[in-house]
């Protein structure tokens, strides 16, 4: 298994090397890419549920999973392009989520 953040940083560097735009524009476009990928999740869900009369059953739930993974990777790449300390930023954020959402759930479970 590869180191996820190492792969993310390689992807971010590849994008950085490819673009000649100013840094602020590169970051803005990367952030917009998250929305584009989220739209592909929506398209896949609609296709998996056969809710587009023109396309019918055009996607599977595995397609939806793949598109969700693309959103996650795109978000991680955006963070890496914004901040070279992305792994630490993400780890701190996860700690806040754990404290906010899981500590209460664990407290409630323990109290029962």
C-alpha atoms as a PDB file:
ATOM      1  CA  UNK A   1       0.000   0.000   0.000  1.00  0.00           C
ATOM      2  CA  UNK A   2       1.313   3.422  -0.928  1.00  0.00           C
ATOM      3  CA  UNK A   3       1.561   6.353   1.427  1.00  0.00           C
ATOM      4  CA  UNK A   4      -1.541   8.393   0.652  1.00  0.00           C
ATOM      5  CA  UNK A   5      -0.068  11.807   1.399  1.00  0.00           C
ATOM      6  CA  UNK A   6       3.038  11.018  -0.630  1.00  0.00           C
ATOM      7  CA  UNK A   7       0.824  10.217  -3.622  1.00  0.00           C
ATOM      8  CA  UNK A   8      -1.263  13.349  -3.038  1.00  0.00           C
ATOM      9  CA  UNK A   9       1.860  15.493  -2.912  1.00  0.00           C
ATOM     10  CA  UNK A  10       3.107  13.955  -6.168  1.00  0.00           C
ATOM     11  CA  UNK A  11      -0.232  14.701  -7.838  1.00  0.00           C
ATOM     12  CA  UNK A  12      -0.179  18.263  -6.509  1.00  0.00           C
ATOM     13  CA  UNK A  13       3.371  18.770  -7.752  1.00  0.00           C
ATOM     14  CA  UNK A  14       2.460  17.425 -11.182  1.00  0.00           C
ATOM     15  CA  UNK A  15      -0.340  19.994 -11.413  1.00  0.00           C
ATOM     16  CA  UNK A  16       1.925  22.762 -10.155  1.00  0.00           C
ATOM     17  CA  UNK A  17       4.555  21.889 -12.755  1.00  0.00           C
ATOM     18  CA  UNK A  18       1.943  21.888 -15.520  1.00  0.00           C
ATOM     19  CA  UNK A  19       0.423  25.322 -14.887  1.00  0.00           C
ATOM     20  CA  UNK A  20       1.830  28.731 -15.685  1.00  0.00           C
ATOM     21  CA  UNK A  21      -0.972  30.595 -13.909  1.00  0.00           C
ATOM     22  CA  UNK A  22      -0.315  32.657 -10.782  1.00  0.00           C
ATOM     23  CA  UNK A  23      -0.531  30.666  -7.516  1.00  0.00           C
ATOM     24  CA  UNK A  24      -3.862  32.205  -6.438  1.00  0.00           C
ATOM     25  CA  UNK A  25      -5.500  31.205  -9.724  1.00  0.00           C
ATOM     26  CA  UNK A  26      -4.052  27.688  -9.543  1.00  0.00           C
ATOM     27  CA  UNK A  27      -5.541  27.232  -6.071  1.00  0.00           C
ATOM     28  CA  UNK A  28      -8.882  28.730  -7.093  1.00  0.00           C
ATOM     29  CA  UNK A  29      -9.134  26.369 -10.058  1.00  0.00           C
ATOM     30  CA  UNK A  30      -8.227  23.401  -7.856  1.00  0.00           C
ATOM     31  CA  UNK A  31     -10.987  24.372  -5.435  1.00  0.00           C
ATOM     32  CA  UNK A  32     -13.441  24.609  -8.325  1.00  0.00           C
ATOM     33  CA  UNK A  33     -12.327  21.128  -9.375  1.00  0.00           C
ATOM     34  CA  UNK A  34     -13.810  19.793  -6.123  1.00  0.00           C
ATOM     35  CA  UNK A  35     -17.225  21.076  -7.229  1.00  0.00           C
ATOM     36  CA  UNK A  36     -16.788  19.530 -10.665  1.00  0.00           C
ATOM     37  CA  UNK A  37     -16.024  16.158  -9.099  1.00  0.00           C
ATOM     38  CA  UNK A  38     -19.004  16.489  -6.728  1.00  0.00           C
ATOM     39  CA  UNK A  39     -21.201  17.035  -9.775  1.00  0.00           C
ATOM     40  CA  UNK A  40     -19.912  13.757 -11.158  1.00  0.00           C
ATOM     41  CA  UNK A  41     -21.015  12.058  -7.926  1.00  0.00           C
ATOM     42  CA  UNK A  42     -24.500  13.488  -8.451  1.00  0.00           C
ATOM     43  CA  UNK A  43     -24.539  12.333 -12.065  1.00  0.00           C
ATOM     44  CA  UNK A  44     -23.490   8.822 -11.021  1.00  0.00           C
ATOM     45  CA  UNK A  45     -26.163   8.638  -8.290  1.00  0.00           C
ATOM     46  CA  UNK A  46     -28.843   9.729 -10.775  1.00  0.00           C
ATOM     47  CA  UNK A  47     -27.556   7.128 -13.221  1.00  0.00           C
ATOM     48  CA  UNK A  48     -27.389   4.385 -10.596  1.00  0.00           C
ATOM     49  CA  UNK A  49     -31.002   5.115  -9.686  1.00  0.00           C
ATOM     50  CA  UNK A  50     -32.009   5.324 -13.382  1.00  0.00           C
ATOM     51  CA  UNK A  51     -33.557   8.744 -12.847  1.00  0.00           C
ATOM     52  CA  UNK A  52     -32.494  10.319 -16.152  1.00  0.00           C
ATOM     53  CA  UNK A  53     -35.119   9.263 -18.719  1.00  0.00           C
ATOM     54  CA  UNK A  54     -32.719   9.934 -21.570  1.00  0.00           C
ATOM     55  CA  UNK A  55     -29.866   7.820 -20.150  1.00  0.00           C
ATOM     56  CA  UNK A  56     -31.681   5.244 -18.021  1.00  0.00           C
ATOM     57  CA  UNK A  57     -29.527   3.028 -15.801  1.00  0.00           C
ATOM     58  CA  UNK A  58     -26.199   4.549 -16.834  1.00  0.00           C
ATOM     59  CA  UNK A  59     -24.083   4.029 -13.688  1.00  0.00           C
ATOM     60  CA  UNK A  60     -23.524   1.498 -10.923  1.00  0.00           C
ATOM     61  CA  UNK A  61     -23.047   2.083  -7.210  1.00  0.00           C
ATOM     62  CA  UNK A  62     -19.401   1.160  -7.786  1.00  0.00           C
ATOM     63  CA  UNK A  63     -19.274   4.155 -10.160  1.00  0.00           C
ATOM     64  CA  UNK A  64     -20.660   6.295  -7.342  1.00  0.00           C
ATOM     65  CA  UNK A  65     -17.965   5.009  -4.977  1.00  0.00           C
ATOM     66  CA  UNK A  66     -15.290   5.819  -7.547  1.00  0.00           C
ATOM     67  CA  UNK A  67     -16.618   9.346  -7.998  1.00  0.00           C
ATOM     68  CA  UNK A  68     -16.689   9.876  -4.218  1.00  0.00           C
ATOM     69  CA  UNK A  69     -13.044   8.776  -4.114  1.00  0.00           C
ATOM     70  CA  UNK A  70     -12.289  11.345  -6.821  1.00  0.00           C
ATOM     71  CA  UNK A  71     -13.867  14.061  -4.649  1.00  0.00           C
ATOM     72  CA  UNK A  72     -11.749  13.010  -1.677  1.00  0.00           C
ATOM     73  CA  UNK A  73      -8.512  12.911  -3.681  1.00  0.00           C
ATOM     74  CA  UNK A  74      -9.297  16.250  -5.330  1.00  0.00           C
ATOM     75  CA  UNK A  75      -9.916  17.816  -1.923  1.00  0.00           C
ATOM     76  CA  UNK A  76      -6.673  16.413  -0.576  1.00  0.00           C
ATOM     77  CA  UNK A  77      -4.774  17.719  -3.596  1.00  0.00           C
ATOM     78  CA  UNK A  78      -6.379  21.135  -3.076  1.00  0.00           C
ATOM     79  CA  UNK A  79      -5.226  21.167   0.539  1.00  0.00           C
ATOM     80  CA  UNK A  80      -1.710  20.106  -0.487  1.00  0.00           C
ATOM     81  CA  UNK A  81      -1.561  22.862  -3.091  1.00  0.00           C
ATOM     82  CA  UNK A  82      -2.733  25.412  -0.529  1.00  0.00           C
ATOM     83  CA  UNK A  83      -0.454  24.379   2.314  1.00  0.00           C
ATOM     84  CA  UNK A  84       2.775  22.351   2.231  1.00  0.00           C
ATOM     85  CA  UNK A  85       1.885  21.098   5.716  1.00  0.00           C
ATOM     86  CA  UNK A  86      -1.339  19.504   4.439  1.00  0.00           C
ATOM     87  CA  UNK A  87      -0.941  16.183   6.297  1.00  0.00           C
ATOM     88  CA  UNK A  88      -0.557  18.014   9.626  1.00  0.00           C
ATOM     89  CA  UNK A  89      -3.431  20.387   8.811  1.00  0.00           C
ATOM     90  CA  UNK A  90      -5.652  17.418   7.999  1.00  0.00           C
ATOM     91  CA  UNK A  91      -4.574  15.496  11.109  1.00  0.00           C
ATOM     92  CA  UNK A  92      -5.400  18.479  13.343  1.00  0.00           C
ATOM     93  CA  UNK A  93      -8.778  18.817  11.668  1.00  0.00           C
ATOM     94  CA  UNK A  94      -9.492  15.117  12.217  1.00  0.00           C
ATOM     95  CA  UNK A  95      -8.618  15.520  15.893  1.00  0.00           C
ATOM     96  CA  UNK A  96     -11.186  18.346  16.139  1.00  0.00           C
ATOM     97  CA  UNK A  97     -13.802  16.142  14.469  1.00  0.00           C
ATOM     98  CA  UNK A  98     -13.019  13.299  16.864  1.00  0.00           C
ATOM     99  CA  UNK A  99     -13.301  15.620  19.863  1.00  0.00           C
ATOM    100  CA  UNK A 100     -16.478  17.210  18.559  1.00  0.00           C
ATOM    101  CA  UNK A 101     -18.365  14.211  17.206  1.00  0.00           C
ATOM    102  CA  UNK A 102     -16.918  10.992  18.548  1.00  0.00           C
ATOM    103  CA  UNK A 103     -16.104  11.893  22.115  1.00  0.00           C
ATOM    104  CA  UNK A 104     -19.781  12.650  22.757  1.00  0.00           C
ATOM    105  CA  UNK A 105     -20.836   9.405  21.108  1.00  0.00           C
ATOM    106  CA  UNK A 106     -18.323   7.492  23.226  1.00  0.00           C
ATOM    107  CA  UNK A 107     -19.547   9.308  26.362  1.00  0.00           C
ATOM    108  CA  UNK A 108     -23.151   8.358  25.539  1.00  0.00           C
ATOM    109  CA  UNK A 109     -22.177   4.738  24.918  1.00  0.00           C
ATOM    110  CA  UNK A 110     -20.207   4.571  28.173  1.00  0.00           C
ATOM    111  CA  UNK A 111     -23.110   6.073  30.137  1.00  0.00           C
ATOM    112  CA  UNK A 112     -25.488   3.330  28.985  1.00  0.00           C
END
